[in-house]
Amino acid sequence: MTSAECRFANGLYEGARLGESWAAMPPEWMGTQFPHGSSFPLLVKFIFAEEKLSVQVHPDDEYASRNEMAAAGKGKTEMWHVLRARTGAEVLAGLKPGVTRESFESAIAAGTAEDCLARVPVSAGDTIFIAAGTPHTIGAGLVLCEIQQYSDLTYRVYDYNRRDAQGRVRELHVAKALDVIRFDRQLGGKIPPALLRSGSLAETHFLACRYFAAEKWEFASRNPGTTSPEHFDVLIFLEGAGEIAWAGERAAYGPAEVWFLPAGLGEYCLAPDSRTSVIRAYVPGDLDELSRELAARGLDENSRARLVFR
């Protein structure tokens, strides 16, 4: 939904691709924290999983900068928000206790790699955090909204021996995967969200890390918002329809749309015609400052400690 090839549907950059537009954007659009010449930082996807995805892992920035400069040298940390889930749906995220590099390598060779991963039953509304270095796979019967670093570096360790129409198996990257997997403390997994209510607005905070922060708003009446001069906002509309109004202008919104709100937009208002559910995603600046902001909005210390990954 926010790849470099996606095109703006309206506004100043109407018809232009996001990647080329980002390169030309002034700080009033991208935000003051992003240096000129940087690449677009935030990738949003909808994933419709009818079969298991491969067992895989993503490198962190440090490893990618040393070994993957041909692929932009960026690692990949991500989160999934579950939109739909069939009965019994699950993801695998992180290693079970006691799994070592040696035992995992043996399991890969034996075709039992997924038996080394923690099984996480999921249902609609759940949120999963996958830090770089966390082996994982997505199970069947899921529709997810994925928010991640803008990177596609993936090291596959097992693909269930599937073959394409030509009988070929996909390439595996076992050596690199073993180099980047965290065999010590596991980060991520299912994240209990923190819910705040203000009038008709239900505000669910998922998590925040140096690469992205995300929260969901659910409302049936007018909902005002304000952008920050430090960063742009992305609004991912899941359900509902209505209008966005700003600076004397207005435009209709609907489900499965992603809106780019410039950093300098300032105040705006979402006026729903029907109950609306929208995820706000952005790249935070100072995580300590964000934690203080969340405290001012009513999140207790335990919730902030659980949701802010430094």
C-alpha atoms as a PDB file:
ATOM      1  CA  MET A   1       0.000   0.000   0.000  1.00  0.00           C
ATOM      2  CA  THR A   2       2.993   2.335   0.355  1.00  0.00           C
ATOM      3  CA  SER A   3       5.548   0.878  -2.023  1.00  0.00           C
ATOM      4  CA  ALA A   4       7.718   3.233  -4.054  1.00  0.00           C
ATOM      5  CA  GLU A   5       5.602   2.307  -7.092  1.00  0.00           C
ATOM      6  CA  CYS A   6       2.267   3.301  -5.529  1.00  0.00           C
ATOM      7  CA  ARG A   7       0.742   6.477  -6.970  1.00  0.00           C
ATOM      8  CA  PHE A   8      -0.976   9.358  -5.209  1.00  0.00           C
ATOM      9  CA  ALA A   9      -4.678   9.488  -6.057  1.00  0.00           C
ATOM     10  CA  ASN A  10      -5.077  13.197  -5.306  1.00  0.00           C
ATOM     11  CA  GLY A  11      -3.345  16.205  -3.794  1.00  0.00           C
ATOM     12  CA  LEU A  12      -0.166  18.013  -4.810  1.00  0.00           C
ATOM     13  CA  TYR A  13       1.488  14.822  -6.122  1.00  0.00           C
ATOM     14  CA  GLU A  14      -1.594  13.385  -7.866  1.00  0.00           C
ATOM     15  CA  GLY A  15      -0.589  10.661 -10.335  1.00  0.00           C
ATOM     16  CA  ALA A  16       3.051  10.567  -9.204  1.00  0.00           C
ATOM     17  CA  ARG A  17       4.752   7.542  -7.654  1.00  0.00           C
ATOM     18  CA  LEU A  18       5.466   7.676  -3.947  1.00  0.00           C
ATOM     19  CA  GLY A  19       9.188   6.978  -4.372  1.00  0.00           C
ATOM     20  CA  GLU A  20       9.845   9.823  -6.794  1.00  0.00           C
ATOM     21  CA  SER A  21       7.560  12.167  -4.872  1.00  0.00           C
ATOM     22  CA  TRP A  22       9.372  11.458  -1.596  1.00  0.00           C
ATOM     23  CA  ALA A  23      12.681  12.420  -3.186  1.00  0.00           C
ATOM     24  CA  ALA A  24      11.226  15.831  -4.077  1.00  0.00           C
ATOM     25  CA  MET A  25       9.264  16.505  -0.896  1.00  0.00           C
ATOM     26  CA  PRO A  26      10.162  19.477   1.305  1.00  0.00           C
ATOM     27  CA  PRO A  27      10.428  19.090   5.098  1.00  0.00           C
ATOM     28  CA  GLU A  28       6.883  20.478   5.388  1.00  0.00           C
ATOM     29  CA  TRP A  29       5.704  17.247   3.792  1.00  0.00           C
ATOM     30  CA  MET A  30       8.116  14.539   4.910  1.00  0.00           C
ATOM     31  CA  GLY A  31       8.936  15.977   8.346  1.00  0.00           C
ATOM     32  CA  THR A  32      12.000  17.607   9.810  1.00  0.00           C
ATOM     33  CA  GLN A  33      13.534  14.358  11.136  1.00  0.00           C
ATOM     34  CA  PHE A  34      14.133  12.893   7.665  1.00  0.00           C
ATOM     35  CA  PRO A  35      17.271  14.115   5.860  1.00  0.00           C
ATOM     36  CA  HIS A  36      17.138  15.074   2.210  1.00  0.00           C
ATOM     37  CA  GLY A  37      18.087  12.087   0.077  1.00  0.00           C
ATOM     38  CA  SER A  38      16.766   9.469   2.504  1.00  0.00           C
ATOM     39  CA  SER A  39      14.482   6.729   1.205  1.00  0.00           C
ATOM     40  CA  PHE A  40      10.830   6.354   2.174  1.00  0.00           C
ATOM     41  CA  PRO A  41      10.904   4.628   5.586  1.00  0.00           C
ATOM     42  CA  LEU A  42       7.528   2.936   6.088  1.00  0.00           C
ATOM     43  CA  LEU A  43       6.018  -0.001   4.198  1.00  0.00           C
ATOM     44  CA  VAL A  44       2.354  -0.906   4.703  1.00  0.00           C
ATOM     45  CA  LYS A  45       0.893  -4.144   3.308  1.00  0.00           C
ATOM     46  CA  PHE A  46      -2.316  -6.142   3.457  1.00  0.00           C
ATOM     47  CA  ILE A  47      -1.462  -9.862   3.570  1.00  0.00           C
ATOM     48  CA  PHE A  48      -4.028 -12.527   2.612  1.00  0.00           C
ATOM     49  CA  ALA A  49      -2.554 -15.860   3.711  1.00  0.00           C
ATOM     50  CA  GLU A  50      -4.334 -18.904   2.254  1.00  0.00           C
ATOM     51  CA  GLU A  51      -1.336 -21.159   2.925  1.00  0.00           C
ATOM     52  CA  LYS A  52       1.519 -21.091   5.413  1.00  0.00           C
ATOM     53  CA  LEU A  53       4.298 -18.702   4.505  1.00  0.00           C
ATOM     54  CA  SER A  54       7.875 -19.951   4.607  1.00  0.00           C
ATOM     55  CA  VAL A  55       9.771 -20.132   7.894  1.00  0.00           C
ATOM     56  CA  GLN A  56      12.011 -17.080   7.678  1.00  0.00           C
ATOM     57  CA  VAL A  57      13.902 -14.368   9.501  1.00  0.00           C
ATOM     58  CA  HIS A  58      14.968 -10.794   8.726  1.00  0.00           C
ATOM     59  CA  PRO A  59      18.352  -9.200   9.508  1.00  0.00           C
ATOM     60  CA  ASP A  60      18.831  -6.058  11.567  1.00  0.00           C
ATOM     61  CA  ASP A  61      20.329  -2.809  10.232  1.00  0.00           C
ATOM     62  CA  GLU A  62      23.830  -3.572  11.440  1.00  0.00           C
ATOM     63  CA  TYR A  63      24.033  -6.919   9.640  1.00  0.00           C
ATOM     64  CA  ALA A  64      22.317  -5.585   6.510  1.00  0.00           C
ATOM     65  CA  SER A  65      24.668  -2.602   6.294  1.00  0.00           C
ATOM     66  CA  ARG A  66      27.662  -4.966   6.319  1.00  0.00           C
ATOM     67  CA  ASN A  67      26.311  -7.703   4.066  1.00  0.00           C
ATOM     68  CA  GLU A  68      23.382  -6.456   1.979  1.00  0.00           C
ATOM     69  CA  MET A  69      24.284  -3.087   0.503  1.00  0.00           C
ATOM     70  CA  ALA A  70      23.039  -4.268  -2.901  1.00  0.00           C
ATOM     71  CA  ALA A  71      19.590  -4.448  -1.239  1.00  0.00           C
ATOM     72  CA  ALA A  72      19.900  -0.953   0.310  1.00  0.00           C
ATOM     73  CA  GLY A  73      21.531  -2.264   3.498  1.00  0.00           C
ATOM     74  CA  LYS A  74      18.432  -1.967   5.671  1.00  0.00           C
ATOM     75  CA  GLY A  75      17.136  -4.557   8.098  1.00  0.00           C
ATOM     76  CA  LYS A  76      13.510  -5.385   8.677  1.00  0.00           C
ATOM     77  CA  THR A  77      11.456  -5.088  11.836  1.00  0.00           C
ATOM     78  CA  GLU A  78       7.691  -5.468  11.429  1.00  0.00           C
ATOM     79  CA  MET A  79       4.313  -5.826  13.106  1.00  0.00           C
ATOM     80  CA  TRP A  80       1.106  -7.557  12.087  1.00  0.00           C
ATOM     81  CA  HIS A  81      -2.387  -6.480  13.069  1.00  0.00           C
ATOM     82  CA  VAL A  82      -4.912  -9.279  12.540  1.00  0.00           C
ATOM     83  CA  LEU A  83      -7.964  -8.119  10.576  1.00  0.00           C
ATOM     84  CA  ARG A  84      -9.592 -11.515   9.953  1.00  0.00           C
ATOM     85  CA  ALA A  85      -8.796 -14.988  11.282  1.00  0.00           C
ATOM     86  CA  ARG A  86     -10.368 -18.359  10.698  1.00  0.00           C
ATOM     87  CA  THR A  87     -10.978 -20.592  13.689  1.00  0.00           C
ATOM     88  CA  GLY A  88      -7.701 -22.127  14.802  1.00  0.00           C
ATOM     89  CA  ALA A  89      -5.493 -19.652  12.930  1.00  0.00           C
ATOM     90  CA  GLU A  90      -2.008 -19.121  14.286  1.00  0.00           C
ATOM     91  CA  VAL A  91       1.371 -17.601  13.622  1.00  0.00           C
ATOM     92  CA  LEU A  92       4.766 -18.892  14.702  1.00  0.00           C
ATOM     93  CA  ALA A  93       6.948 -16.226  16.285  1.00  0.00           C
ATOM     94  CA  GLY A  94      10.231 -16.656  18.111  1.00  0.00           C
ATOM     95  CA  LEU A  95      12.100 -19.707  19.330  1.00  0.00           C
ATOM     96  CA  LYS A  96      10.887 -22.088  21.993  1.00  0.00           C
ATOM     97  CA  PRO A  97      12.957 -22.110  25.206  1.00  0.00           C
ATOM     98  CA  GLY A  98      16.149 -24.117  24.922  1.00  0.00           C
ATOM     99  CA  VAL A  99      16.496 -23.974  21.117  1.00  0.00           C
ATOM    100  CA  THR A 100      20.134 -23.386  20.187  1.00  0.00           C
ATOM    101  CA  ARG A 101      21.865 -22.598  16.921  1.00  0.00           C
ATOM    102  CA  GLU A 102      22.957 -26.217  16.642  1.00  0.00           C
ATOM    103  CA  SER A 103      19.529 -27.723  17.381  1.00  0.00           C
ATOM    104  CA  PHE A 104      17.796 -25.292  15.013  1.00  0.00           C
ATOM    105  CA  GLU A 105      20.251 -26.073  12.210  1.00  0.00           C
ATOM    106  CA  SER A 106      19.584 -29.778  12.737  1.00  0.00           C
ATOM    107  CA  ALA A 107      15.821 -29.172  12.626  1.00  0.00           C
ATOM    108  CA  ILE A 108      16.153 -27.279   9.347  1.00  0.00           C
ATOM    109  CA  ALA A 109      18.015 -30.203   7.815  1.00  0.00           C
ATOM    110  CA  ALA A 110      15.362 -32.606   9.104  1.00  0.00           C
ATOM    111  CA  GLY A 111      12.464 -30.479   7.801  1.00  0.00           C
ATOM    112  CA  THR A 112      11.132 -29.787  11.310  1.00  0.00           C
ATOM    113  CA  ALA A 113      12.138 -26.124  11.692  1.00  0.00           C
ATOM    114  CA  GLU A 114       8.641 -24.999  12.613  1.00  0.00           C
ATOM    115  CA  ASP A 115       8.664 -27.353  15.618  1.00  0.00           C
ATOM    116  CA  CYS A 116      11.333 -25.078  17.117  1.00  0.00           C
ATOM    117  CA  LEU A 117       9.102 -21.992  16.975  1.00  0.00           C
ATOM    118  CA  ALA A 118       6.533 -20.766  19.490  1.00  0.00           C
ATOM    119  CA  ARG A 119       2.957 -21.234  18.315  1.00  0.00           C
ATOM    120  CA  VAL A 120       0.774 -18.152  18.834  1.00  0.00           C
ATOM    121  CA  PRO A 121      -3.007 -18.599  18.380  1.00  0.00           C
ATOM    122  CA  VAL A 122      -4.496 -15.410  16.952  1.00  0.00           C
ATOM    123  CA  SER A 123      -7.895 -13.860  16.346  1.00  0.00           C
ATOM    124  CA  ALA A 124      -9.124 -10.605  14.860  1.00  0.00           C
ATOM    125  CA  GLY A 125      -7.740  -7.625  16.759  1.00  0.00           C
ATOM    126  CA  ASP A 126      -4.492  -9.261  17.875  1.00  0.00           C
ATOM    127  CA  THR A 127      -1.139  -7.578  17.217  1.00  0.00           C
ATOM    128  CA  ILE A 128       2.189  -9.382  16.734  1.00  0.00           C
ATOM    129  CA  PHE A 129       5.622  -7.727  16.900  1.00  0.00           C
ATOM    130  CA  ILE A 130       8.443  -9.302  14.890  1.00  0.00           C
ATOM    131  CA  ALA A 131      11.787  -7.703  15.705  1.00  0.00           C
ATOM    132  CA  ALA A 132      14.688  -8.293  13.338  1.00  0.00           C
ATOM    133  CA  GLY A 133      16.331 -11.600  14.203  1.00  0.00           C
ATOM    134  CA  THR A 134      13.033 -13.286  15.166  1.00  0.00           C
ATOM    135  CA  PRO A 135      12.273 -16.454  13.150  1.00  0.00           C
ATOM    136  CA  HIS A 136       8.631 -16.630  12.175  1.00  0.00           C
ATOM    137  CA  THR A 137       5.937 -17.669   9.753  1.00  0.00           C
ATOM    138  CA  ILE A 138       2.323 -16.702   9.106  1.00  0.00           C
ATOM    139  CA  GLY A 139      -0.243 -19.493   9.166  1.00  0.00           C
ATOM    140  CA  ALA A 140      -3.170 -20.045   6.823  1.00  0.00           C
ATOM    141  CA  GLY A 141      -6.558 -18.358   7.115  1.00  0.00           C
ATOM    142  CA  LEU A 142      -5.379 -14.879   8.058  1.00  0.00           C
ATOM    143  CA  VAL A 143      -5.805 -11.343   6.748  1.00  0.00           C
ATOM    144  CA  LEU A 144      -3.172  -9.032   8.230  1.00  0.00           C
ATOM    145  CA  CYS A 145      -2.193  -5.396   8.070  1.00  0.00           C
ATOM    146  CA  GLU A 146       1.611  -5.364   8.150  1.00  0.00           C
ATOM    147  CA  ILE A 147       3.597  -2.255   9.087  1.00  0.00           C
ATOM    148  CA  GLN A 148       7.372  -2.499   8.703  1.00  0.00           C
ATOM    149  CA  GLN A 149      10.662  -0.932   7.872  1.00  0.00           C
ATOM    150  CA  TYR A 150      10.888  -0.317   4.145  1.00  0.00           C
ATOM    151  CA  SER A 151      12.954  -3.410   3.377  1.00  0.00           C
ATOM    152  CA  ASP A 152      12.378  -6.754   1.712  1.00  0.00           C
ATOM    153  CA  LEU A 153      15.382  -8.629   3.084  1.00  0.00           C
ATOM    154  CA  THR A 154      14.133 -12.109   3.931  1.00  0.00           C
ATOM    155  CA  TYR A 155      16.173 -15.212   4.743  1.00  0.00           C
ATOM    156  CA  ARG A 156      14.123 -18.373   4.226  1.00  0.00           C
ATOM    157  CA  VAL A 157      15.074 -21.480   6.170  1.00  0.00           C
ATOM    158  CA  TYR A 158      12.183 -23.804   5.242  1.00  0.00           C
ATOM    159  CA  ASP A 159       9.430 -23.662   2.615  1.00  0.00           C
ATOM    160  CA  TYR A 160       7.635 -26.987   3.164  1.00  0.00           C
ATOM    161  CA  ASN A 161       9.332 -28.422   0.037  1.00  0.00           C
ATOM    162  CA  ARG A 162       6.878 -26.556  -2.182  1.00  0.00           C
ATOM    163  CA  ARG A 163       7.623 -26.265  -5.893  1.00  0.00           C
ATOM    164  CA  ASP A 164       6.536 -23.815  -8.565  1.00  0.00           C
ATOM    165  CA  ALA A 165       4.910 -24.721 -11.906  1.00  0.00           C
ATOM    166  CA  GLN A 166       8.347 -25.545 -13.319  1.00  0.00           C
ATOM    167  CA  GLY A 167       9.125 -27.904 -10.450  1.00  0.00           C
ATOM    168  CA  ARG A 168      11.684 -25.585  -8.863  1.00  0.00           C
ATOM    169  CA  VAL A 169      12.027 -24.983  -5.127  1.00  0.00           C
ATOM    170  CA  ARG A 170      12.611 -21.503  -3.790  1.00  0.00           C
ATOM    171  CA  GLU A 171      16.086 -20.539  -2.678  1.00  0.00           C
ATOM    172  CA  LEU A 172      16.878 -20.947   1.017  1.00  0.00           C
ATOM    173  CA  HIS A 173      19.321 -18.779   2.978  1.00  0.00           C
ATOM    174  CA  VAL A 174      20.202 -21.002   5.917  1.00  0.00           C
ATOM    175  CA  ALA A 175      23.713 -19.704   6.631  1.00  0.00           C
ATOM    176  CA  LYS A 176      22.627 -16.067   6.705  1.00  0.00           C
ATOM    177  CA  ALA A 177      19.552 -16.910   8.761  1.00  0.00           C
ATOM    178  CA  LEU A 178      21.637 -18.649  11.410  1.00  0.00           C
ATOM    179  CA  ASP A 179      23.891 -15.603  11.558  1.00  0.00           C
ATOM    180  CA  VAL A 180      21.042 -13.182  12.310  1.00  0.00           C
ATOM    181  CA  ILE A 181      18.644 -15.203  14.479  1.00  0.00           C
ATOM    182  CA  ARG A 182      18.583 -14.154  18.114  1.00  0.00           C
ATOM    183  CA  PHE A 183      19.239 -17.322  20.088  1.00  0.00           C
ATOM    184  CA  ASP A 184      19.250 -15.416  23.381  1.00  0.00           C
ATOM    185  CA  ARG A 185      16.384 -13.189  24.524  1.00  0.00           C
ATOM    186  CA  GLN A 186      13.345 -13.331  22.266  1.00  0.00           C
ATOM    187  CA  LEU A 187      11.725 -10.009  21.391  1.00  0.00           C
ATOM    188  CA  GLY A 188       8.157  -9.534  20.272  1.00  0.00           C
ATOM    189  CA  GLY A 189       5.353 -12.023  19.919  1.00  0.00           C
ATOM    190  CA  LYS A 190       1.774 -11.103  20.762  1.00  0.00           C
ATOM    191  CA  ILE A 191       1.558  -7.609  22.262  1.00  0.00           C
ATOM    192  CA  PRO A 192      -1.342  -6.842  24.644  1.00  0.00           C
ATOM    193  CA  PRO A 193      -2.637  -3.452  23.426  1.00  0.00           C
ATOM    194  CA  ALA A 194      -3.547  -0.510  25.627  1.00  0.00           C
ATOM    195  CA  LEU A 195      -7.028   0.955  25.181  1.00  0.00           C
ATOM    196  CA  LEU A 196      -8.004   4.542  25.934  1.00  0.00           C
ATOM    197  CA  ARG A 197     -11.512   5.961  25.574  1.00  0.00           C
ATOM    198  CA  SER A 198     -12.534   9.570  25.103  1.00  0.00           C
ATOM    199  CA  GLY A 199     -16.218  10.086  24.340  1.00  0.00           C
ATOM    200  CA  SER A 200     -17.047   7.987  21.285  1.00  0.00           C
ATOM    201  CA  LEU A 201     -13.370   7.519  20.400  1.00  0.00           C
ATOM    202  CA  ALA A 202     -11.709   4.198  21.248  1.00  0.00           C
ATOM    203  CA  GLU A 203      -7.928   4.591  20.887  1.00  0.00           C
ATOM    204  CA  THR A 204      -5.906   1.371  20.910  1.00  0.00           C
ATOM    205  CA  HIS A 205      -2.123   1.691  21.142  1.00  0.00           C
ATOM    206  CA  PHE A 206      -0.256  -1.243  19.576  1.00  0.00           C
ATOM    207  CA  LEU A 207       3.452  -0.526  19.941  1.00  0.00           C
ATOM    208  CA  ALA A 208       6.252   1.904  19.157  1.00  0.00           C
ATOM    209  CA  CYS A 209       9.863   1.292  18.170  1.00  0.00           C
ATOM    210  CA  ARG A 210      12.509   3.353  16.404  1.00  0.00           C
ATOM    211  CA  TYR A 211      11.127   2.297  13.002  1.00  0.00           C
ATOM    212  CA  PHE A 212       7.390   2.831  13.447  1.00  0.00           C
ATOM    213  CA  ALA A 213       4.589   3.461  15.886  1.00  0.00           C
ATOM    214  CA  ALA A 214       0.991   2.395  15.372  1.00  0.00           C
ATOM    215  CA  GLU A 215      -2.368   2.919  17.003  1.00  0.00           C
ATOM    216  CA  LYS A 216      -5.973   2.267  15.967  1.00  0.00           C
ATOM    217  CA  TRP A 217      -8.847   4.725  16.218  1.00  0.00           C
ATOM    218  CA  GLU A 218     -12.487   3.587  16.207  1.00  0.00           C
ATOM    219  CA  PHE A 219     -15.167   6.286  16.176  1.00  0.00           C
ATOM    220  CA  ALA A 220     -18.664   7.132  14.986  1.00  0.00           C
ATOM    221  CA  SER A 221     -18.584  10.930  15.389  1.00  0.00           C
ATOM    222  CA  ARG A 222     -16.175  13.695  14.381  1.00  0.00           C
ATOM    223  CA  ASN A 223     -12.593  12.952  15.354  1.00  0.00           C
ATOM    224  CA  PRO A 224     -10.031  15.792  15.207  1.00  0.00           C
ATOM    225  CA  GLY A 225      -6.318  15.191  14.722  1.00  0.00           C
ATOM    226  CA  THR A 226      -3.080  17.148  14.385  1.00  0.00           C
ATOM    227  CA  THR A 227       0.112  16.222  12.553  1.00  0.00           C
ATOM    228  CA  SER A 228       3.592  16.740  13.979  1.00  0.00           C
ATOM    229  CA  PRO A 229       6.222  18.857  12.173  1.00  0.00           C
ATOM    230  CA  GLU A 230       8.730  16.026  12.793  1.00  0.00           C
ATOM    231  CA  HIS A 231       7.049  13.329  10.697  1.00  0.00           C
ATOM    232  CA  PHE A 232       4.305  12.546   8.214  1.00  0.00           C
ATOM    233  CA  ASP A 233       1.382  10.327   9.262  1.00  0.00           C
ATOM    234  CA  VAL A 234      -0.122   7.415   7.363  1.00  0.00           C
ATOM    235  CA  LEU A 235      -3.808   6.641   7.912  1.00  0.00           C
ATOM    236  CA  ILE A 236      -4.843   3.093   6.964  1.00  0.00           C
ATOM    237  CA  PHE A 237      -8.628   2.910   6.711  1.00  0.00           C
ATOM    238  CA  LEU A 238      -9.955  -0.526   7.632  1.00  0.00           C
ATOM    239  CA  GLU A 239     -13.714   0.080   7.837  1.00  0.00           C
ATOM    240  CA  GLY A 240     -16.163   2.935   7.412  1.00  0.00           C
ATOM    241  CA  ALA A 241     -16.504   5.925   5.128  1.00  0.00           C
ATOM    242  CA  GLY A 242     -16.693   9.696   5.506  1.00  0.00           C
ATOM    243  CA  GLU A 243     -14.667  12.836   4.871  1.00  0.00           C
ATOM    244  CA  ILE A 244     -11.281  14.223   5.837  1.00  0.00           C
ATOM    245  CA  ALA A 245     -11.363  18.018   6.251  1.00  0.00           C
ATOM    246  CA  TRP A 246      -8.292  20.271   6.518  1.00  0.00           C
ATOM    247  CA  ALA A 247      -7.456  23.937   5.884  1.00  0.00           C
ATOM    248  CA  GLY A 248     -10.717  24.659   4.083  1.00  0.00           C
ATOM    249  CA  GLU A 249     -10.499  21.520   1.923  1.00  0.00           C
ATOM    250  CA  ARG A 250     -12.180  18.149   2.182  1.00  0.00           C
ATOM    251  CA  ALA A 251     -12.102  14.741   0.503  1.00  0.00           C
ATOM    252  CA  ALA A 252     -13.943  11.444   0.898  1.00  0.00           C
ATOM    253  CA  TYR A 253     -12.279   8.414   2.511  1.00  0.00           C
ATOM    254  CA  GLY A 254     -13.237   4.733   2.379  1.00  0.00           C
ATOM    255  CA  PRO A 255     -12.036   1.284   3.451  1.00  0.00           C
ATOM    256  CA  ALA A 256      -8.753  -0.174   2.121  1.00  0.00           C
ATOM    257  CA  GLU A 257      -7.366   3.299   1.429  1.00  0.00           C
ATOM    258  CA  VAL A 258      -4.043   4.616   2.745  1.00  0.00           C
ATOM    259  CA  TRP A 259      -3.666   8.381   3.195  1.00  0.00           C
ATOM    260  CA  PHE A 260      -0.395  10.282   3.467  1.00  0.00           C
ATOM    261  CA  LEU A 261      -0.786  13.288   5.787  1.00  0.00           C
ATOM    262  CA  PRO A 262       2.049  15.832   5.392  1.00  0.00           C
ATOM    263  CA  ALA A 263       3.954  16.806   8.524  1.00  0.00           C
ATOM    264  CA  GLY A 264       2.972  20.440   8.083  1.00  0.00           C
ATOM    265  CA  LEU A 265      -0.730  19.759   7.562  1.00  0.00           C
ATOM    266  CA  GLY A 266      -1.560  20.736  11.147  1.00  0.00           C
ATOM    267  CA  GLU A 267      -5.150  20.307  12.266  1.00  0.00           C
ATOM    268  CA  TYR A 268      -7.575  18.073  10.406  1.00  0.00           C
ATOM    269  CA  CYS A 269     -10.847  16.313  11.164  1.00  0.00           C
ATOM    270  CA  LEU A 270     -12.299  12.925  10.265  1.00  0.00           C
ATOM    271  CA  ALA A 271     -16.066  13.171   9.826  1.00  0.00           C
ATOM    272  CA  PRO A 272     -17.546   9.659   9.499  1.00  0.00           C
ATOM    273  CA  ASP A 273     -20.730   8.699   7.650  1.00  0.00           C
ATOM    274  CA  SER A 274     -20.439   5.258   9.267  1.00  0.00           C
ATOM    275  CA  ARG A 275     -18.454   3.845  12.147  1.00  0.00           C
ATOM    276  CA  THR A 276     -14.815   4.057  11.142  1.00  0.00           C
ATOM    277  CA  SER A 277     -11.739   2.031  12.052  1.00  0.00           C
ATOM    278  CA  VAL A 278      -8.365   3.447  11.032  1.00  0.00           C
ATOM    279  CA  ILE A 279      -4.741   2.692  11.913  1.00  0.00           C
ATOM    280  CA  ARG A 280      -2.414   5.659  12.300  1.00  0.00           C
ATOM    281  CA  ALA A 281       1.229   4.788  11.609  1.00  0.00           C
ATOM    282  CA  TYR A 282       4.298   7.013  11.697  1.00  0.00           C
ATOM    283  CA  VAL A 283       8.018   6.996  12.368  1.00  0.00           C
ATOM    284  CA  PRO A 284       8.606   8.441  15.851  1.00  0.00           C
ATOM    285  CA  GLY A 285      11.543  10.670  16.670  1.00  0.00           C
ATOM    286  CA  ASP A 286      12.592  10.507  20.312  1.00  0.00           C
ATOM    287  CA  LEU A 287      11.034   7.448  21.998  1.00  0.00           C
ATOM    288  CA  ASP A 288      11.418   9.015  25.444  1.00  0.00           C
ATOM    289  CA  GLU A 289       9.473  12.035  24.244  1.00  0.00           C
ATOM    290  CA  LEU A 290       6.841   9.728  22.759  1.00  0.00           C
ATOM    291  CA  SER A 291       6.561   7.918  26.100  1.00  0.00           C
ATOM    292  CA  ARG A 292       5.930  11.261  27.821  1.00  0.00           C
ATOM    293  CA  GLU A 293       3.286  12.090  25.215  1.00  0.00           C
ATOM    294  CA  LEU A 294       1.564   8.756  25.819  1.00  0.00           C
ATOM    295  CA  ALA A 295       1.620   9.459  29.558  1.00  0.00           C
ATOM    296  CA  ALA A 296      -0.094  12.787  28.921  1.00  0.00           C
ATOM    297  CA  ARG A 297      -2.743  10.960  26.898  1.00  0.00           C
ATOM    298  CA  GLY A 298      -3.453   8.650  29.842  1.00  0.00           C
ATOM    299  CA  LEU A 299      -1.301   5.536  29.359  1.00  0.00           C
ATOM    300  CA  ASP A 300       0.063   4.231  32.653  1.00  0.00           C
ATOM    301  CA  GLU A 301       3.722   3.416  33.209  1.00  0.00           C
ATOM    302  CA  ASN A 302       3.282  -0.353  32.862  1.00  0.00           C
ATOM    303  CA  SER A 303       1.507   0.029  29.523  1.00  0.00           C
ATOM    304  CA  ARG A 304       4.194   2.364  28.223  1.00  0.00           C
ATOM    305  CA  ALA A 305       6.959  -0.010  29.287  1.00  0.00           C
ATOM    306  CA  ARG A 306       5.174  -2.881  27.532  1.00  0.00           C
ATOM    307  CA  LEU A 307       4.463  -1.035  24.284  1.00  0.00           C
ATOM    308  CA  VAL A 308       7.588   1.083  23.689  1.00  0.00           C
ATOM    309  CA  PHE A 309      10.527  -0.968  22.370  1.00  0.00           C
ATOM    310  CA  ARG A 310      13.831   0.902  22.630  1.00  0.00           C
END
